[in-house]
Amino acid sequence: MAWPQVRAALITAHLIAIGVCAFPAPVGGMNRSSWHDPTVRAELDAWRARLGMVGVHQTPKQFEDELWGAMTSFMSVRDAIVRPFNHYYELTGTWQSWRMFVAPQRYPARLIVDVFEDGEWRPLFEERSDTATWNRAIFDHDRLRAAIFRYSWPKFGREWRVFAQWMGERAAVERPRADTLRARFFRYRTLSPTEAAAGMEFDGKFEHEVEIDLTALR
């Protein structure tokens, strides 16, 4: 067989392999605690409403139970299809750590870090802020931004506390007069174009607050 045909076959096989791995999979959704997230909750309600428009009426519990069963079956089949390619992914470094997007994040969480210094709370870092920019070069790195996104989800609580401890260790050295570091997420609903044009403020709440005693780290 001529080289062009061999090359075409190899390229085709590679595209099939990475296409299989990148096919949508509700991996994060296989933890039902994540279904309480506002974005996930909105998607579930929207799909239940769509089914209702075509005559399929279910309570939230009925819908979620049937969806969970369908997801479990789908993931079993998908895992069986992907399994033969696993060695290829490891050998070529082509494992897909993310998959096709399924929904917009309407309730993002923004990392906010403060320190209690000289008798008052002072901002250190806030995502997308032009003033609270402590260690911004580190926090804004693509890899760490992806990690921070995960830390706002309940299933990553242990990793979030470890990260908060790491921030405390840095702050203990870099802010010698500070007594406490407070790290938390501000979760809010994104504004519609009309709301943004009208100058509305984000409506949200603080979550996953962690305080680190800096004096104990010196």
N, C-alpha and C. Protein backbone atom coordinates (compact mmCIF):
# COMPACT_ATOMS: atom_id res chain seq x y z
N MET A 1 0.85 -1.19 0.00
CA MET A 1 0.00 0.00 0.00
C MET A 1 0.89 1.24 0.00
N ALA A 2 0.57 2.22 -0.81
CA ALA A 2 1.36 3.44 -0.92
C ALA A 2 1.22 4.27 0.36
N TRP A 3 2.27 5.06 0.63
CA TRP A 3 2.29 5.87 1.84
C TRP A 3 1.08 6.80 1.97
N PRO A 4 0.62 7.48 0.90
CA PRO A 4 -0.55 8.36 1.05
C PRO A 4 -1.78 7.62 1.61
N GLN A 5 -1.98 6.38 1.20
CA GLN A 5 -3.12 5.62 1.70
C GLN A 5 -2.92 5.25 3.18
N VAL A 6 -1.68 4.90 3.53
CA VAL A 6 -1.39 4.58 4.92
C VAL A 6 -1.59 5.81 5.80
N ARG A 7 -1.08 6.94 5.33
CA ARG A 7 -1.23 8.18 6.08
C ARG A 7 -2.70 8.55 6.26
N ALA A 8 -3.47 8.40 5.20
CA ALA A 8 -4.90 8.71 5.28
C ALA A 8 -5.59 7.80 6.29
N ALA A 9 -5.20 6.52 6.32
CA ALA A 9 -5.81 5.59 7.26
C ALA A 9 -5.44 5.95 8.70
N LEU A 10 -4.18 6.34 8.93
CA LEU A 10 -3.74 6.73 10.28
C LEU A 10 -4.46 7.99 10.75
N ILE A 11 -4.60 8.96 9.85
CA ILE A 11 -5.30 10.20 10.20
C ILE A 11 -6.76 9.92 10.53
N THR A 12 -7.37 9.07 9.73
CA THR A 12 -8.78 8.71 9.97
C THR A 12 -8.94 8.02 11.32
N ALA A 13 -8.04 7.09 11.61
CA ALA A 13 -8.10 6.37 12.89
C ALA A 13 -7.92 7.34 14.06
N HIS A 14 -7.00 8.29 13.89
CA HIS A 14 -6.76 9.28 14.96
C HIS A 14 -8.00 10.14 15.18
N LEU A 15 -8.61 10.60 14.11
CA LEU A 15 -9.80 11.45 14.23
C LEU A 15 -10.95 10.68 14.89
N ILE A 16 -11.08 9.42 14.55
CA ILE A 16 -12.12 8.61 15.19
C ILE A 16 -11.85 8.48 16.68
N ALA A 17 -10.58 8.24 17.04
CA ALA A 17 -10.22 8.05 18.45
C ALA A 17 -10.52 9.29 19.28
N ILE A 18 -10.05 10.45 18.82
CA ILE A 18 -10.27 11.66 19.62
C ILE A 18 -11.72 12.11 19.55
N GLY A 19 -12.41 11.78 18.44
CA GLY A 19 -13.83 12.11 18.35
C GLY A 19 -14.66 11.32 19.35
N VAL A 20 -14.30 10.05 19.52
CA VAL A 20 -15.01 9.21 20.49
C VAL A 20 -14.82 9.76 21.90
N CYS A 21 -13.58 10.14 22.22
CA CYS A 21 -13.29 10.63 23.58
C CYS A 21 -13.92 11.98 23.85
N ALA A 22 -14.06 12.80 22.80
CA ALA A 22 -14.61 14.14 22.97
C ALA A 22 -16.13 14.17 22.92
N PHE A 23 -16.75 13.04 22.63
CA PHE A 23 -18.21 13.01 22.53
C PHE A 23 -18.82 13.39 23.88
N PRO A 24 -19.90 14.18 23.88
CA PRO A 24 -20.47 14.66 25.14
C PRO A 24 -20.70 13.55 26.15
N ALA A 25 -20.32 13.84 27.39
CA ALA A 25 -20.52 12.88 28.47
C ALA A 25 -20.77 13.65 29.75
N PRO A 26 -21.87 13.37 30.44
CA PRO A 26 -22.21 14.11 31.67
C PRO A 26 -21.40 13.63 32.87
N VAL A 27 -20.05 13.70 32.75
CA VAL A 27 -19.21 13.14 33.82
C VAL A 27 -19.47 13.85 35.15
N GLY A 28 -19.42 15.18 35.15
CA GLY A 28 -19.70 15.92 36.37
C GLY A 28 -21.11 15.70 36.88
N GLY A 29 -22.03 15.47 35.94
CA GLY A 29 -23.42 15.26 36.32
C GLY A 29 -23.68 13.92 36.95
N MET A 30 -22.69 13.03 36.94
CA MET A 30 -22.88 11.72 37.55
C MET A 30 -22.76 11.78 39.08
N ASN A 31 -22.58 12.95 39.60
CA ASN A 31 -22.67 13.20 41.05
C ASN A 31 -23.93 14.03 41.27
N ARG A 32 -24.96 13.42 41.83
CA ARG A 32 -26.25 14.11 41.90
C ARG A 32 -26.25 15.31 42.82
N SER A 33 -25.24 15.45 43.66
CA SER A 33 -25.16 16.66 44.48
C SER A 33 -24.96 17.90 43.61
N SER A 34 -24.33 17.72 42.44
CA SER A 34 -24.11 18.85 41.54
C SER A 34 -25.41 19.33 40.90
N TRP A 35 -26.47 18.53 40.99
CA TRP A 35 -27.74 18.92 40.39
C TRP A 35 -28.41 20.05 41.17
N HIS A 36 -27.89 20.37 42.35
CA HIS A 36 -28.44 21.48 43.12
C HIS A 36 -27.84 22.82 42.67
N ASP A 37 -26.79 22.76 41.84
CA ASP A 37 -26.19 24.00 41.33
C ASP A 37 -27.23 24.76 40.51
N PRO A 38 -27.31 26.10 40.64
CA PRO A 38 -28.35 26.85 39.94
C PRO A 38 -28.34 26.67 38.43
N THR A 39 -27.15 26.61 37.82
CA THR A 39 -27.08 26.42 36.38
C THR A 39 -27.64 25.07 35.97
N VAL A 40 -27.26 24.03 36.69
CA VAL A 40 -27.77 22.68 36.39
C VAL A 40 -29.27 22.63 36.65
N ARG A 41 -29.69 23.25 37.75
CA ARG A 41 -31.11 23.26 38.10
C ARG A 41 -31.93 23.92 36.99
N ALA A 42 -31.42 25.03 36.45
CA ALA A 42 -32.13 25.74 35.38
C ALA A 42 -32.23 24.88 34.12
N GLU A 43 -31.15 24.14 33.80
CA GLU A 43 -31.18 23.27 32.63
C GLU A 43 -32.19 22.14 32.80
N LEU A 44 -32.22 21.54 33.99
CA LEU A 44 -33.17 20.46 34.24
C LEU A 44 -34.61 20.96 34.11
N ASP A 45 -34.87 22.12 34.70
CA ASP A 45 -36.22 22.67 34.63
C ASP A 45 -36.60 23.01 33.20
N ALA A 46 -35.64 23.53 32.43
CA ALA A 46 -35.93 23.90 31.04
C ALA A 46 -36.27 22.68 30.20
N TRP A 47 -35.52 21.59 30.40
CA TRP A 47 -35.80 20.38 29.61
C TRP A 47 -37.10 19.72 30.05
N ARG A 48 -37.42 19.79 31.33
CA ARG A 48 -38.69 19.23 31.79
C ARG A 48 -39.86 20.03 31.20
N ALA A 49 -39.67 21.35 31.09
CA ALA A 49 -40.71 22.19 30.49
C ALA A 49 -40.87 21.87 29.00
N ARG A 50 -39.75 21.62 28.31
CA ARG A 50 -39.84 21.29 26.88
C ARG A 50 -40.59 19.98 26.68
N LEU A 51 -40.33 19.00 27.52
CA LEU A 51 -41.06 17.74 27.42
C LEU A 51 -42.55 17.94 27.69
N GLY A 52 -42.85 18.84 28.62
CA GLY A 52 -44.25 19.13 28.90
C GLY A 52 -44.98 19.71 27.71
N MET A 53 -44.25 20.47 26.87
CA MET A 53 -44.85 21.09 25.69
C MET A 53 -45.25 20.04 24.65
N VAL A 54 -44.65 18.85 24.71
CA VAL A 54 -45.00 17.80 23.75
C VAL A 54 -45.81 16.70 24.43
N GLY A 55 -46.34 17.01 25.59
CA GLY A 55 -47.26 16.08 26.24
C GLY A 55 -46.66 15.15 27.27
N VAL A 56 -45.37 15.29 27.57
CA VAL A 56 -44.74 14.44 28.58
C VAL A 56 -44.65 15.24 29.88
N HIS A 57 -45.57 14.98 30.78
CA HIS A 57 -45.64 15.74 32.04
C HIS A 57 -45.11 14.89 33.18
N GLN A 58 -44.12 15.42 33.88
CA GLN A 58 -43.49 14.70 34.99
C GLN A 58 -43.21 15.66 36.14
N THR A 59 -43.20 15.11 37.33
CA THR A 59 -42.76 15.90 38.47
C THR A 59 -41.24 16.01 38.40
N PRO A 60 -40.65 16.98 39.10
CA PRO A 60 -39.18 17.08 39.11
C PRO A 60 -38.50 15.78 39.52
N LYS A 61 -39.05 15.10 40.53
CA LYS A 61 -38.43 13.85 40.98
C LYS A 61 -38.51 12.77 39.91
N GLN A 62 -39.68 12.64 39.26
CA GLN A 62 -39.83 11.63 38.21
C GLN A 62 -38.84 11.89 37.07
N PHE A 63 -38.77 13.15 36.68
CA PHE A 63 -37.88 13.51 35.59
C PHE A 63 -36.42 13.22 35.94
N GLU A 64 -36.01 13.60 37.15
CA GLU A 64 -34.63 13.41 37.56
C GLU A 64 -34.29 11.93 37.71
N ASP A 65 -35.21 11.14 38.24
CA ASP A 65 -34.94 9.71 38.39
C ASP A 65 -34.79 9.03 37.04
N GLU A 66 -35.66 9.37 36.09
CA GLU A 66 -35.56 8.76 34.76
C GLU A 66 -34.31 9.25 34.03
N LEU A 67 -33.98 10.51 34.21
CA LEU A 67 -32.78 11.04 33.59
C LEU A 67 -31.53 10.37 34.16
N TRP A 68 -31.52 10.15 35.47
CA TRP A 68 -30.38 9.49 36.09
C TRP A 68 -30.20 8.07 35.54
N GLY A 69 -31.30 7.35 35.38
CA GLY A 69 -31.22 6.01 34.81
C GLY A 69 -30.69 6.03 33.38
N ALA A 70 -31.16 6.99 32.58
CA ALA A 70 -30.70 7.09 31.19
C ALA A 70 -29.22 7.46 31.14
N MET A 71 -28.79 8.37 32.00
CA MET A 71 -27.39 8.77 32.04
C MET A 71 -26.50 7.61 32.45
N THR A 72 -26.93 6.83 33.43
CA THR A 72 -26.14 5.69 33.89
C THR A 72 -25.96 4.67 32.77
N SER A 73 -27.03 4.41 32.04
CA SER A 73 -26.95 3.46 30.92
C SER A 73 -26.05 4.00 29.81
N PHE A 74 -26.21 5.29 29.50
CA PHE A 74 -25.41 5.91 28.46
C PHE A 74 -23.92 5.84 28.79
N MET A 75 -23.56 6.17 30.05
CA MET A 75 -22.16 6.18 30.44
C MET A 75 -21.57 4.77 30.41
N SER A 76 -22.37 3.76 30.72
CA SER A 76 -21.88 2.38 30.64
C SER A 76 -21.52 2.01 29.21
N VAL A 77 -22.40 2.39 28.28
CA VAL A 77 -22.14 2.11 26.86
C VAL A 77 -20.93 2.92 26.38
N ARG A 78 -20.89 4.20 26.74
CA ARG A 78 -19.79 5.06 26.31
C ARG A 78 -18.45 4.56 26.83
N ASP A 79 -18.41 4.17 28.10
CA ASP A 79 -17.17 3.65 28.68
C ASP A 79 -16.68 2.41 27.94
N ALA A 80 -17.62 1.55 27.53
CA ALA A 80 -17.25 0.34 26.80
C ALA A 80 -16.67 0.69 25.43
N ILE A 81 -17.20 1.75 24.79
CA ILE A 81 -16.70 2.16 23.47
C ILE A 81 -15.33 2.82 23.58
N VAL A 82 -15.14 3.63 24.63
CA VAL A 82 -13.88 4.37 24.80
C VAL A 82 -12.74 3.47 25.27
N ARG A 83 -13.07 2.44 26.05
CA ARG A 83 -12.05 1.61 26.69
C ARG A 83 -10.98 1.08 25.73
N PRO A 84 -11.31 0.60 24.53
CA PRO A 84 -10.26 0.09 23.63
C PRO A 84 -9.25 1.15 23.19
N PHE A 85 -9.64 2.45 23.30
CA PHE A 85 -8.75 3.52 22.85
C PHE A 85 -7.87 4.06 23.98
N ASN A 86 -8.09 3.63 25.21
CA ASN A 86 -7.39 4.23 26.34
C ASN A 86 -5.86 4.15 26.20
N HIS A 87 -5.36 3.00 25.76
CA HIS A 87 -3.91 2.87 25.61
C HIS A 87 -3.39 3.84 24.56
N TYR A 88 -4.14 4.03 23.50
CA TYR A 88 -3.74 4.97 22.45
C TYR A 88 -3.67 6.39 23.00
N TYR A 89 -4.66 6.77 23.81
CA TYR A 89 -4.65 8.12 24.40
C TYR A 89 -3.41 8.32 25.27
N GLU A 90 -3.08 7.32 26.07
CA GLU A 90 -1.91 7.42 26.95
C GLU A 90 -0.62 7.46 26.14
N LEU A 91 -0.55 6.67 25.09
CA LEU A 91 0.66 6.59 24.27
C LEU A 91 0.91 7.88 23.50
N THR A 92 -0.15 8.50 23.01
CA THR A 92 -0.01 9.70 22.16
C THR A 92 -0.28 11.00 22.91
N GLY A 93 -0.71 10.92 24.15
CA GLY A 93 -1.00 12.14 24.91
C GLY A 93 -2.19 12.89 24.37
N THR A 94 -3.19 12.18 23.85
CA THR A 94 -4.36 12.83 23.24
C THR A 94 -5.63 12.64 24.05
N TRP A 95 -5.49 12.32 25.34
CA TRP A 95 -6.68 12.18 26.17
C TRP A 95 -7.41 13.52 26.27
N GLN A 96 -8.71 13.51 26.09
CA GLN A 96 -9.51 14.72 26.14
C GLN A 96 -10.01 14.95 27.56
N SER A 97 -9.47 15.97 28.22
CA SER A 97 -9.90 16.25 29.59
C SER A 97 -11.18 17.06 29.64
N TRP A 98 -11.62 17.58 28.50
CA TRP A 98 -12.91 18.28 28.46
C TRP A 98 -13.66 17.84 27.21
N ARG A 99 -14.95 18.07 27.22
CA ARG A 99 -15.79 17.61 26.12
C ARG A 99 -16.61 18.77 25.57
N MET A 100 -17.39 18.47 24.59
CA MET A 100 -18.21 19.51 23.97
C MET A 100 -19.11 20.17 25.02
N PHE A 101 -19.26 21.47 24.91
CA PHE A 101 -20.08 22.20 25.87
C PHE A 101 -21.56 21.86 25.68
N VAL A 102 -22.27 21.76 26.78
CA VAL A 102 -23.68 21.37 26.71
C VAL A 102 -24.61 22.50 27.13
N ALA A 103 -24.11 23.51 27.86
CA ALA A 103 -24.97 24.59 28.35
C ALA A 103 -24.11 25.75 28.81
N PRO A 104 -24.62 26.97 28.70
CA PRO A 104 -23.87 28.13 29.20
C PRO A 104 -23.88 28.16 30.73
N GLN A 105 -22.83 28.70 31.31
CA GLN A 105 -22.76 28.85 32.76
C GLN A 105 -23.44 30.17 33.14
N ARG A 106 -24.70 30.09 33.53
CA ARG A 106 -25.47 31.29 33.88
C ARG A 106 -25.26 31.72 35.32
N TYR A 107 -24.66 30.88 36.14
CA TYR A 107 -24.43 31.21 37.54
C TYR A 107 -22.95 30.96 37.90
N PRO A 108 -22.05 31.76 37.33
CA PRO A 108 -20.62 31.56 37.62
C PRO A 108 -20.28 31.97 39.05
N ALA A 109 -19.13 31.51 39.52
CA ALA A 109 -18.64 31.84 40.85
C ALA A 109 -17.30 32.56 40.72
N ARG A 110 -17.18 33.70 41.37
CA ARG A 110 -15.98 34.52 41.27
C ARG A 110 -15.18 34.42 42.57
N LEU A 111 -13.90 34.08 42.46
CA LEU A 111 -13.04 33.96 43.63
C LEU A 111 -12.72 35.34 44.19
N ILE A 112 -12.88 35.47 45.52
CA ILE A 112 -12.57 36.72 46.21
C ILE A 112 -11.73 36.38 47.45
N VAL A 113 -10.61 37.06 47.61
CA VAL A 113 -9.70 36.81 48.72
C VAL A 113 -9.44 38.13 49.45
N ASP A 114 -9.63 38.13 50.79
CA ASP A 114 -9.38 39.31 51.63
C ASP A 114 -8.45 38.91 52.77
N VAL A 115 -7.87 39.93 53.40
CA VAL A 115 -7.11 39.70 54.63
C VAL A 115 -7.59 40.69 55.69
N PHE A 116 -7.59 40.24 56.94
CA PHE A 116 -7.91 41.13 58.06
C PHE A 116 -6.59 41.72 58.54
N GLU A 117 -6.43 43.01 58.29
CA GLU A 117 -5.15 43.68 58.51
C GLU A 117 -5.38 45.06 59.12
N ASP A 118 -4.67 45.34 60.21
CA ASP A 118 -4.80 46.62 60.90
C ASP A 118 -6.25 46.92 61.27
N GLY A 119 -6.96 45.88 61.71
CA GLY A 119 -8.31 46.06 62.23
C GLY A 119 -9.41 46.12 61.22
N GLU A 120 -9.16 45.81 59.95
CA GLU A 120 -10.23 45.85 58.94
C GLU A 120 -9.93 44.84 57.82
N TRP A 121 -11.00 44.44 57.13
CA TRP A 121 -10.85 43.55 56.00
C TRP A 121 -10.40 44.35 54.78
N ARG A 122 -9.36 43.86 54.13
CA ARG A 122 -8.82 44.52 52.95
C ARG A 122 -8.77 43.53 51.78
N PRO A 123 -9.24 43.96 50.61
CA PRO A 123 -9.25 43.04 49.45
C PRO A 123 -7.84 42.73 48.96
N LEU A 124 -7.62 41.46 48.65
CA LEU A 124 -6.35 41.04 48.06
C LEU A 124 -6.52 40.72 46.58
N PHE A 125 -7.45 39.81 46.32
CA PHE A 125 -7.64 39.36 44.94
C PHE A 125 -9.11 39.15 44.65
N GLU A 126 -9.51 39.56 43.47
CA GLU A 126 -10.86 39.27 42.97
C GLU A 126 -10.75 39.03 41.47
N GLU A 127 -11.30 37.94 41.02
CA GLU A 127 -11.25 37.63 39.59
C GLU A 127 -11.83 38.76 38.76
N ARG A 128 -11.12 39.11 37.71
CA ARG A 128 -11.49 40.14 36.74
C ARG A 128 -11.44 41.55 37.33
N SER A 129 -10.85 41.73 38.51
CA SER A 129 -10.74 43.06 39.11
C SER A 129 -9.47 43.76 38.63
N ASP A 130 -9.54 45.08 38.52
CA ASP A 130 -8.36 45.87 38.14
C ASP A 130 -7.65 46.43 39.36
N THR A 131 -8.20 46.23 40.54
CA THR A 131 -7.60 46.78 41.76
C THR A 131 -7.14 45.70 42.73
N ALA A 132 -7.93 44.65 42.91
CA ALA A 132 -7.55 43.55 43.81
C ALA A 132 -6.79 42.52 42.99
N THR A 133 -5.48 42.72 42.84
CA THR A 133 -4.69 41.94 41.87
C THR A 133 -3.55 41.15 42.51
N TRP A 134 -3.68 40.80 43.78
CA TRP A 134 -2.63 40.03 44.47
C TRP A 134 -2.35 38.71 43.73
N ASN A 135 -1.08 38.50 43.36
CA ASN A 135 -0.67 37.28 42.65
C ASN A 135 -1.50 37.00 41.41
N ARG A 136 -1.92 38.05 40.73
CA ARG A 136 -2.80 37.89 39.57
C ARG A 136 -2.17 37.05 38.47
N ALA A 137 -0.85 37.18 38.28
CA ALA A 137 -0.19 36.42 37.23
C ALA A 137 -0.35 34.92 37.46
N ILE A 138 -0.43 34.52 38.73
CA ILE A 138 -0.62 33.10 39.06
C ILE A 138 -2.08 32.71 38.90
N PHE A 139 -2.97 33.49 39.51
CA PHE A 139 -4.39 33.13 39.50
C PHE A 139 -5.02 33.18 38.11
N ASP A 140 -4.49 34.04 37.23
CA ASP A 140 -5.07 34.18 35.89
C ASP A 140 -4.47 33.21 34.88
N HIS A 141 -3.56 32.35 35.31
CA HIS A 141 -3.02 31.35 34.38
C HIS A 141 -4.14 30.39 33.98
N ASP A 142 -4.13 29.99 32.72
CA ASP A 142 -5.21 29.15 32.20
C ASP A 142 -5.42 27.89 33.03
N ARG A 143 -4.33 27.25 33.43
CA ARG A 143 -4.46 26.01 34.19
C ARG A 143 -5.10 26.25 35.55
N LEU A 144 -4.67 27.32 36.23
CA LEU A 144 -5.21 27.58 37.56
C LEU A 144 -6.64 28.09 37.48
N ARG A 145 -6.97 28.86 36.46
CA ARG A 145 -8.36 29.31 36.29
C ARG A 145 -9.29 28.12 36.15
N ALA A 146 -8.84 27.09 35.42
CA ALA A 146 -9.66 25.88 35.27
C ALA A 146 -9.84 25.18 36.62
N ALA A 147 -8.77 25.17 37.42
CA ALA A 147 -8.86 24.55 38.74
C ALA A 147 -9.79 25.35 39.66
N ILE A 148 -9.66 26.66 39.65
CA ILE A 148 -10.50 27.51 40.50
C ILE A 148 -11.97 27.34 40.15
N PHE A 149 -12.26 27.19 38.87
CA PHE A 149 -13.65 26.94 38.45
C PHE A 149 -14.19 25.69 39.13
N ARG A 150 -13.38 24.64 39.20
CA ARG A 150 -13.82 23.40 39.82
C ARG A 150 -13.98 23.55 41.33
N TYR A 151 -13.13 24.34 41.96
CA TYR A 151 -13.16 24.47 43.41
C TYR A 151 -14.49 25.05 43.91
N SER A 152 -15.23 25.73 43.05
CA SER A 152 -16.50 26.31 43.48
C SER A 152 -17.63 25.29 43.52
N TRP A 153 -17.35 24.05 43.06
CA TRP A 153 -18.36 23.00 43.08
C TRP A 153 -18.22 22.17 44.37
N PRO A 154 -19.33 21.73 44.94
CA PRO A 154 -19.28 21.01 46.23
C PRO A 154 -18.37 19.80 46.23
N LYS A 155 -18.29 19.05 45.14
CA LYS A 155 -17.52 17.82 45.13
C LYS A 155 -16.02 18.06 45.25
N PHE A 156 -15.57 19.30 45.05
CA PHE A 156 -14.15 19.62 45.16
C PHE A 156 -13.84 20.37 46.46
N GLY A 157 -14.63 20.11 47.49
CA GLY A 157 -14.44 20.80 48.76
C GLY A 157 -13.07 20.58 49.38
N ARG A 158 -12.56 19.35 49.30
CA ARG A 158 -11.25 19.07 49.90
C ARG A 158 -10.15 19.83 49.16
N GLU A 159 -10.21 19.80 47.83
CA GLU A 159 -9.21 20.52 47.03
C GLU A 159 -9.29 22.02 47.28
N TRP A 160 -10.50 22.54 47.47
CA TRP A 160 -10.68 23.96 47.74
C TRP A 160 -10.02 24.35 49.05
N ARG A 161 -10.16 23.54 50.08
CA ARG A 161 -9.55 23.85 51.37
C ARG A 161 -8.02 23.79 51.30
N VAL A 162 -7.50 22.85 50.53
CA VAL A 162 -6.05 22.77 50.34
C VAL A 162 -5.55 24.03 49.62
N PHE A 163 -6.28 24.47 48.61
CA PHE A 163 -5.90 25.68 47.88
C PHE A 163 -5.96 26.91 48.78
N ALA A 164 -6.99 26.99 49.62
CA ALA A 164 -7.10 28.11 50.55
C ALA A 164 -5.93 28.13 51.53
N GLN A 165 -5.52 26.95 51.97
CA GLN A 165 -4.36 26.85 52.86
C GLN A 165 -3.09 27.34 52.16
N TRP A 166 -2.94 26.99 50.90
CA TRP A 166 -1.79 27.46 50.12
C TRP A 166 -1.80 28.98 50.00
N MET A 167 -2.97 29.56 49.75
CA MET A 167 -3.06 31.02 49.68
C MET A 167 -2.70 31.64 51.03
N GLY A 168 -3.14 31.00 52.12
CA GLY A 168 -2.81 31.51 53.45
C GLY A 168 -1.32 31.50 53.70
N GLU A 169 -0.63 30.46 53.26
CA GLU A 169 0.81 30.37 53.46
C GLU A 169 1.54 31.49 52.71
N ARG A 170 1.08 31.80 51.51
CA ARG A 170 1.70 32.91 50.76
C ARG A 170 1.40 34.25 51.43
N ALA A 171 0.15 34.42 51.84
CA ALA A 171 -0.24 35.70 52.45
C ALA A 171 0.47 35.91 53.77
N ALA A 172 0.72 34.84 54.52
CA ALA A 172 1.41 34.97 55.81
C ALA A 172 2.79 35.58 55.64
N VAL A 173 3.42 35.29 54.51
CA VAL A 173 4.76 35.82 54.24
C VAL A 173 4.68 37.20 53.60
N GLU A 174 3.77 37.36 52.64
CA GLU A 174 3.72 38.59 51.87
C GLU A 174 2.97 39.72 52.57
N ARG A 175 2.11 39.39 53.52
CA ARG A 175 1.38 40.41 54.28
C ARG A 175 1.64 40.20 55.77
N PRO A 176 2.81 40.59 56.26
CA PRO A 176 3.20 40.27 57.64
C PRO A 176 2.32 40.89 58.72
N ARG A 177 1.54 41.93 58.39
CA ARG A 177 0.68 42.55 59.40
C ARG A 177 -0.72 41.96 59.41
N ALA A 178 -1.01 41.09 58.47
CA ALA A 178 -2.36 40.52 58.38
C ALA A 178 -2.52 39.37 59.37
N ASP A 179 -3.70 39.28 59.98
CA ASP A 179 -4.00 38.23 60.96
C ASP A 179 -4.74 37.03 60.36
N THR A 180 -5.64 37.30 59.40
CA THR A 180 -6.51 36.25 58.87
C THR A 180 -6.68 36.43 57.37
N LEU A 181 -6.72 35.33 56.66
CA LEU A 181 -7.07 35.35 55.24
C LEU A 181 -8.46 34.75 55.08
N ARG A 182 -9.29 35.41 54.30
CA ARG A 182 -10.64 34.91 54.03
C ARG A 182 -10.78 34.69 52.51
N ALA A 183 -11.08 33.46 52.14
CA ALA A 183 -11.27 33.10 50.73
C ALA A 183 -12.69 32.61 50.55
N ARG A 184 -13.37 33.05 49.50
CA ARG A 184 -14.75 32.66 49.26
C ARG A 184 -15.10 32.90 47.80
N PHE A 185 -16.24 32.38 47.41
CA PHE A 185 -16.73 32.57 46.06
C PHE A 185 -18.01 33.41 46.09
N PHE A 186 -18.12 34.30 45.13
CA PHE A 186 -19.36 35.06 44.95
C PHE A 186 -20.07 34.49 43.74
N ARG A 187 -21.19 33.81 43.98
CA ARG A 187 -21.96 33.20 42.89
C ARG A 187 -23.12 34.12 42.52
N TYR A 188 -23.25 34.38 41.24
CA TYR A 188 -24.25 35.35 40.78
C TYR A 188 -24.86 34.90 39.45
N ARG A 189 -25.99 35.47 39.14
CA ARG A 189 -26.63 35.20 37.85
C ARG A 189 -26.14 36.21 36.83
N THR A 190 -25.70 35.72 35.68
CA THR A 190 -25.25 36.64 34.63
C THR A 190 -26.43 37.48 34.13
N LEU A 191 -26.14 38.68 33.71
CA LEU A 191 -27.18 39.59 33.25
C LEU A 191 -27.53 39.33 31.79
N SER A 192 -28.78 39.55 31.46
CA SER A 192 -29.19 39.50 30.06
C SER A 192 -28.69 40.77 29.37
N PRO A 193 -28.66 40.81 28.04
CA PRO A 193 -28.24 42.03 27.35
C PRO A 193 -29.05 43.25 27.78
N THR A 194 -30.36 43.06 27.96
CA THR A 194 -31.21 44.19 28.36
C THR A 194 -30.85 44.67 29.75
N GLU A 195 -30.61 43.72 30.67
CA GLU A 195 -30.25 44.09 32.04
C GLU A 195 -28.89 44.78 32.10
N ALA A 196 -27.94 44.27 31.30
CA ALA A 196 -26.62 44.89 31.28
C ALA A 196 -26.68 46.31 30.72
N ALA A 197 -27.48 46.50 29.66
CA ALA A 197 -27.61 47.83 29.06
C ALA A 197 -28.27 48.81 30.03
N ALA A 198 -29.12 48.29 30.92
CA ALA A 198 -29.81 49.15 31.88
C ALA A 198 -28.94 49.45 33.10
N GLY A 199 -27.75 48.87 33.16
CA GLY A 199 -26.84 49.13 34.27
C GLY A 199 -27.17 48.39 35.54
N MET A 200 -27.87 47.26 35.45
CA MET A 200 -28.22 46.49 36.64
C MET A 200 -26.97 45.88 37.27
N GLU A 201 -27.00 45.71 38.59
CA GLU A 201 -25.92 45.08 39.32
C GLU A 201 -26.15 43.57 39.41
N PHE A 202 -25.05 42.84 39.56
CA PHE A 202 -25.17 41.40 39.73
C PHE A 202 -25.85 41.09 41.06
N ASP A 203 -26.74 40.11 41.04
CA ASP A 203 -27.41 39.64 42.24
C ASP A 203 -26.86 38.26 42.59
N GLY A 204 -26.26 38.14 43.78
CA GLY A 204 -25.67 36.85 44.11
C GLY A 204 -25.44 36.70 45.60
N LYS A 205 -24.65 35.70 45.95
CA LYS A 205 -24.37 35.42 47.36
C LYS A 205 -22.98 34.79 47.49
N PHE A 206 -22.41 34.87 48.68
CA PHE A 206 -21.10 34.28 48.95
C PHE A 206 -21.26 32.82 49.35
N GLU A 207 -20.31 32.00 48.89
CA GLU A 207 -20.34 30.56 49.17
C GLU A 207 -18.94 30.06 49.52
N HIS A 208 -18.92 28.92 50.20
CA HIS A 208 -17.68 28.16 50.47
C HIS A 208 -16.61 29.01 51.16
N GLU A 209 -17.02 29.80 52.13
CA GLU A 209 -16.07 30.68 52.81
C GLU A 209 -15.11 29.88 53.70
N VAL A 210 -13.83 30.20 53.58
CA VAL A 210 -12.78 29.57 54.39
C VAL A 210 -11.91 30.68 54.99
N GLU A 211 -11.63 30.59 56.29
CA GLU A 211 -10.72 31.54 56.94
C GLU A 211 -9.47 30.80 57.41
N ILE A 212 -8.33 31.42 57.15
CA ILE A 212 -7.05 30.84 57.54
C ILE A 212 -6.36 31.77 58.54
N ASP A 213 -5.97 31.22 59.69
CA ASP A 213 -5.25 32.00 60.71
C ASP A 213 -3.80 32.17 60.25
N LEU A 214 -3.44 33.38 59.86
CA LEU A 214 -2.09 33.62 59.36
C LEU A 214 -1.04 33.65 60.45
N THR A 215 -1.46 34.02 61.64
CA THR A 215 -0.49 34.09 62.74
C THR A 215 0.07 32.70 63.08
N ALA A 216 -0.73 31.68 62.85
CA ALA A 216 -0.28 30.31 63.14
C ALA A 216 0.68 29.78 62.07
N LEU A 217 0.78 30.49 60.95
CA LEU A 217 1.63 30.04 59.86
C LEU A 217 2.99 30.74 59.86
N ARG A 218 3.21 31.63 60.82
CA ARG A 218 4.49 32.36 60.84
C ARG A 218 5.41 31.77 61.90
